[in-house]
C-alpha atoms as a PDB file:
ATOM      1  CA  UNK A   1      17.116  -7.552  -5.579  1.00  0.00           C
ATOM      2  CA  UNK A   2      13.939  -6.461  -5.292  1.00  0.00           C
ATOM      3  CA  UNK A   3      12.571  -3.567  -2.617  1.00  0.00           C
ATOM      4  CA  UNK A   4       9.391  -1.870  -2.030  1.00  0.00           C
ATOM      5  CA  UNK A   5      10.200   2.249  -1.348  1.00  0.00           C
ATOM      6  CA  UNK A   6       6.962   4.052   0.418  1.00  0.00           C
ATOM      7  CA  UNK A   7       6.481   7.649   0.746  1.00  0.00           C
ATOM      8  CA  UNK A   8       3.681   9.823   1.303  1.00  0.00           C
ATOM      9  CA  UNK A   9       2.876   9.107   5.504  1.00  0.00           C
ATOM     10  CA  UNK A  10       3.006  12.515   7.622  1.00  0.00           C
ATOM     11  CA  UNK A  11       0.498  14.123   9.616  1.00  0.00           C
ATOM     12  CA  UNK A  12      -3.175  15.265   8.924  1.00  0.00           C
ATOM     13  CA  UNK A  13      -6.040  16.363  10.691  1.00  0.00           C
ATOM     14  CA  UNK A  14      -9.415  14.607  10.764  1.00  0.00           C
ATOM     15  CA  UNK A  15     -10.822  15.051   7.457  1.00  0.00           C
ATOM     16  CA  UNK A  16      -8.132  15.451   5.614  1.00  0.00           C
ATOM     17  CA  UNK A  17      -6.460  13.805   2.950  1.00  0.00           C
ATOM     18  CA  UNK A  18      -2.655  12.013   2.089  1.00  0.00           C
ATOM     19  CA  UNK A  19      -1.579  10.286  -1.002  1.00  0.00           C
ATOM     20  CA  UNK A  20       0.730   7.114  -0.630  1.00  0.00           C
ATOM     21  CA  UNK A  21       3.092   5.832  -3.008  1.00  0.00           C
ATOM     22  CA  UNK A  22       4.782   2.571  -3.529  1.00  0.00           C
ATOM     23  CA  UNK A  23       7.710   2.051  -6.243  1.00  0.00           C
ATOM     24  CA  UNK A  24       9.143  -1.522  -6.667  1.00  0.00           C
ATOM     25  CA  UNK A  25      12.136  -1.928  -8.065  1.00  0.00           C
ATOM     26  CA  UNK A  26      14.538  -4.479  -9.244  1.00  0.00           C
ATOM     27  CA  UNK A  27      14.156  -7.083 -11.956  1.00  0.00           C
ATOM     28  CA  UNK A  28      10.703  -7.718 -12.239  1.00  0.00           C
ATOM     29  CA  UNK A  29       8.995 -10.226 -14.608  1.00  0.00           C
ATOM     30  CA  UNK A  30       5.244  -9.607 -13.469  1.00  0.00           C
ATOM     31  CA  UNK A  31       3.043  -8.822  -9.901  1.00  0.00           C
ATOM     32  CA  UNK A  32       0.420 -10.735  -9.030  1.00  0.00           C
ATOM     33  CA  UNK A  33      -0.830  -8.288  -6.435  1.00  0.00           C
ATOM     34  CA  UNK A  34       0.308  -5.174  -4.533  1.00  0.00           C
ATOM     35  CA  UNK A  35      -1.118  -3.023  -2.107  1.00  0.00           C
ATOM     36  CA  UNK A  36      -1.379  -1.691   1.183  1.00  0.00           C
ATOM     37  CA  UNK A  37      -1.309  -2.684   4.762  1.00  0.00           C
ATOM     38  CA  UNK A  38      -1.477  -1.346   8.024  1.00  0.00           C
ATOM     39  CA  UNK A  39      -0.817  -1.946  11.281  1.00  0.00           C
ATOM     40  CA  UNK A  40      -1.750   0.439  14.368  1.00  0.00           C
ATOM     41  CA  UNK A  41      -0.448   0.126  18.109  1.00  0.00           C
ATOM     42  CA  UNK A  42      -1.600  -3.377  19.593  1.00  0.00           C
ATOM     43  CA  UNK A  43      -3.542  -4.325  16.863  1.00  0.00           C
ATOM     44  CA  UNK A  44      -2.628  -6.816  14.192  1.00  0.00           C
ATOM     45  CA  UNK A  45      -1.551  -6.312  10.687  1.00  0.00           C
ATOM     46  CA  UNK A  46      -4.644  -6.116   8.242  1.00  0.00           C
ATOM     47  CA  UNK A  47      -5.164  -5.425   5.167  1.00  0.00           C
ATOM     48  CA  UNK A  48      -6.421  -2.198   3.639  1.00  0.00           C
ATOM     49  CA  UNK A  49      -6.663  -2.097  -0.416  1.00  0.00           C
ATOM     50  CA  UNK A  50      -4.756  -4.150  -3.142  1.00  0.00           C
ATOM     51  CA  UNK A  51      -4.986  -4.068  -7.022  1.00  0.00           C
ATOM     52  CA  UNK A  52      -4.182  -7.577  -8.973  1.00  0.00           C
ATOM     53  CA  UNK A  53      -2.144  -7.369 -11.747  1.00  0.00           C
ATOM     54  CA  UNK A  54      -5.377  -7.561 -14.391  1.00  0.00           C
ATOM     55  CA  UNK A  55      -6.640  -4.612 -12.357  1.00  0.00           C
ATOM     56  CA  UNK A  56      -9.047  -6.093  -9.742  1.00  0.00           C
ATOM     57  CA  UNK A  57      -9.366  -4.666  -6.498  1.00  0.00           C
ATOM     58  CA  UNK A  58      -9.877  -5.248  -2.660  1.00  0.00           C
ATOM     59  CA  UNK A  59     -10.607  -3.328   0.223  1.00  0.00           C
ATOM     60  CA  UNK A  60     -11.439  -3.214   3.717  1.00  0.00           C
ATOM     61  CA  UNK A  61     -15.003  -2.045   4.584  1.00  0.00           C
ATOM     62  CA  UNK A  62     -13.378   0.601   6.945  1.00  0.00           C
ATOM     63  CA  UNK A  63     -12.437   2.537   4.075  1.00  0.00           C
ATOM     64  CA  UNK A  64     -14.120   1.737   1.185  1.00  0.00           C
ATOM     65  CA  UNK A  65     -15.250   4.816  -0.198  1.00  0.00           C
ATOM     66  CA  UNK A  66     -12.479   6.957   1.397  1.00  0.00           C
ATOM     67  CA  UNK A  67      -9.665   6.038   0.198  1.00  0.00           C
ATOM     68  CA  UNK A  68      -8.767   4.781  -3.824  1.00  0.00           C
ATOM     69  CA  UNK A  69      -5.927   2.202  -4.669  1.00  0.00           C
ATOM     70  CA  UNK A  70      -4.313   2.152  -8.165  1.00  0.00           C
ATOM     71  CA  UNK A  71      -1.279   1.431 -10.123  1.00  0.00           C
ATOM     72  CA  UNK A  72       1.235   2.025 -12.861  1.00  0.00           C
ATOM     73  CA  UNK A  73       2.178  -1.353 -14.167  1.00  0.00           C
ATOM     74  CA  UNK A  74       4.788   0.364 -16.378  1.00  0.00           C
ATOM     75  CA  UNK A  75       6.694   1.990 -13.514  1.00  0.00           C
ATOM     76  CA  UNK A  76       6.003  -0.801 -10.835  1.00  0.00           C
ATOM     77  CA  UNK A  77       4.052   1.742  -8.812  1.00  0.00           C
ATOM     78  CA  UNK A  78       0.803   1.864  -6.616  1.00  0.00           C
ATOM     79  CA  UNK A  79      -0.623   4.566  -5.008  1.00  0.00           C
ATOM     80  CA  UNK A  80      -3.516   4.933  -2.140  1.00  0.00           C
ATOM     81  CA  UNK A  81      -5.204   7.742  -1.925  1.00  0.00           C
ATOM     82  CA  UNK A  82      -6.504   8.284   1.187  1.00  0.00           C
ATOM     83  CA  UNK A  83      -9.307  10.874   1.922  1.00  0.00           C
ATOM     84  CA  UNK A  84     -11.610  11.925   4.850  1.00  0.00           C
ATOM     85  CA  UNK A  85      -9.182  10.000   7.078  1.00  0.00           C
ATOM     86  CA  UNK A  86     -10.125   9.510  10.543  1.00  0.00           C
ATOM     87  CA  UNK A  87      -8.077   9.209  13.314  1.00  0.00           C
ATOM     88  CA  UNK A  88      -9.236   5.517  13.538  1.00  0.00           C
ATOM     89  CA  UNK A  89      -6.979   5.456  10.225  1.00  0.00           C
ATOM     90  CA  UNK A  90      -3.360   6.051  12.504  1.00  0.00           C
ATOM     91  CA  UNK A  91      -1.165   3.264  11.563  1.00  0.00           C
ATOM     92  CA  UNK A  92       2.121   2.593  10.159  1.00  0.00           C
ATOM     93  CA  UNK A  93       0.991   1.786   6.223  1.00  0.00           C
ATOM     94  CA  UNK A  94       3.242  -1.087   4.635  1.00  0.00           C
ATOM     95  CA  UNK A  95       3.478  -1.798   1.085  1.00  0.00           C
ATOM     96  CA  UNK A  96       3.263  -5.280  -0.053  1.00  0.00           C
ATOM     97  CA  UNK A  97       3.704  -6.937  -3.255  1.00  0.00           C
ATOM     98  CA  UNK A  98       3.396 -10.749  -4.275  1.00  0.00           C
ATOM     99  CA  UNK A  99       5.671 -10.584  -7.614  1.00  0.00           C
ATOM    100  CA  UNK A 100       7.747 -12.929  -9.792  1.00  0.00           C
ATOM    101  CA  UNK A 101      11.636 -11.922 -10.118  1.00  0.00           C
ATOM    102  CA  UNK A 102      13.062 -12.553 -13.898  1.00  0.00           C
ATOM    103  CA  UNK A 103      15.468 -14.777 -11.805  1.00  0.00           C
ATOM    104  CA  UNK A 104      13.488 -17.146 -10.866  1.00  0.00           C
ATOM    105  CA  UNK A 105       9.917 -18.545 -11.357  1.00  0.00           C
ATOM    106  CA  UNK A 106       8.576 -18.648  -7.099  1.00  0.00           C
ATOM    107  CA  UNK A 107       6.283 -16.195  -6.415  1.00  0.00           C
ATOM    108  CA  UNK A 108       7.480 -14.371  -3.401  1.00  0.00           C
ATOM    109  CA  UNK A 109       5.831 -11.654  -1.025  1.00  0.00           C
ATOM    110  CA  UNK A 110       7.881  -8.413  -0.634  1.00  0.00           C
ATOM    111  CA  UNK A 111       7.332  -5.769   2.437  1.00  0.00           C
ATOM    112  CA  UNK A 112       8.155  -2.060   2.454  1.00  0.00           C
ATOM    113  CA  UNK A 113       9.845  -0.988   5.425  1.00  0.00           C
ATOM    114  CA  UNK A 114       6.814   1.064   6.401  1.00  0.00           C
ATOM    115  CA  UNK A 115       5.290   4.911   6.825  1.00  0.00           C
ATOM    116  CA  UNK A 116       3.976   6.572   9.729  1.00  0.00           C
ATOM    117  CA  UNK A 117       0.234   7.807   8.707  1.00  0.00           C
ATOM    118  CA  UNK A 118      -1.213   9.816  11.822  1.00  0.00           C
ATOM    119  CA  UNK A 119      -4.624  11.785  11.946  1.00  0.00           C
ATOM    120  CA  UNK A 120      -4.930  13.649  14.918  1.00  0.00           C
ATOM    121  CA  UNK A 121      -6.041  17.833  15.707  1.00  0.00           C
END
């Protein structure tokens, strides 16, 4: 019943910016952590940034100072502002959330379908 819907991906030139958004829908009790992972061809999926339900954040070293994650708990959304983009940022970006539905007490992982980010001239 819960789904994560991503938006904002696209093609951008090096040095440009993109803003990714993820909205969690369904009957959600609480979100423990929500954030973004990415996977480039031939590489393992890696954490980009995440934010916890209490507001703490965690960033990959490669994006610190360039990316900013923010969440709106009232709307169950999370955004990733990506500035100073580099070609090595090219990947499929996936929204991820660890949350608890109203109908269960279990913590469960959910993934979005992914959105392509391409940084190229």
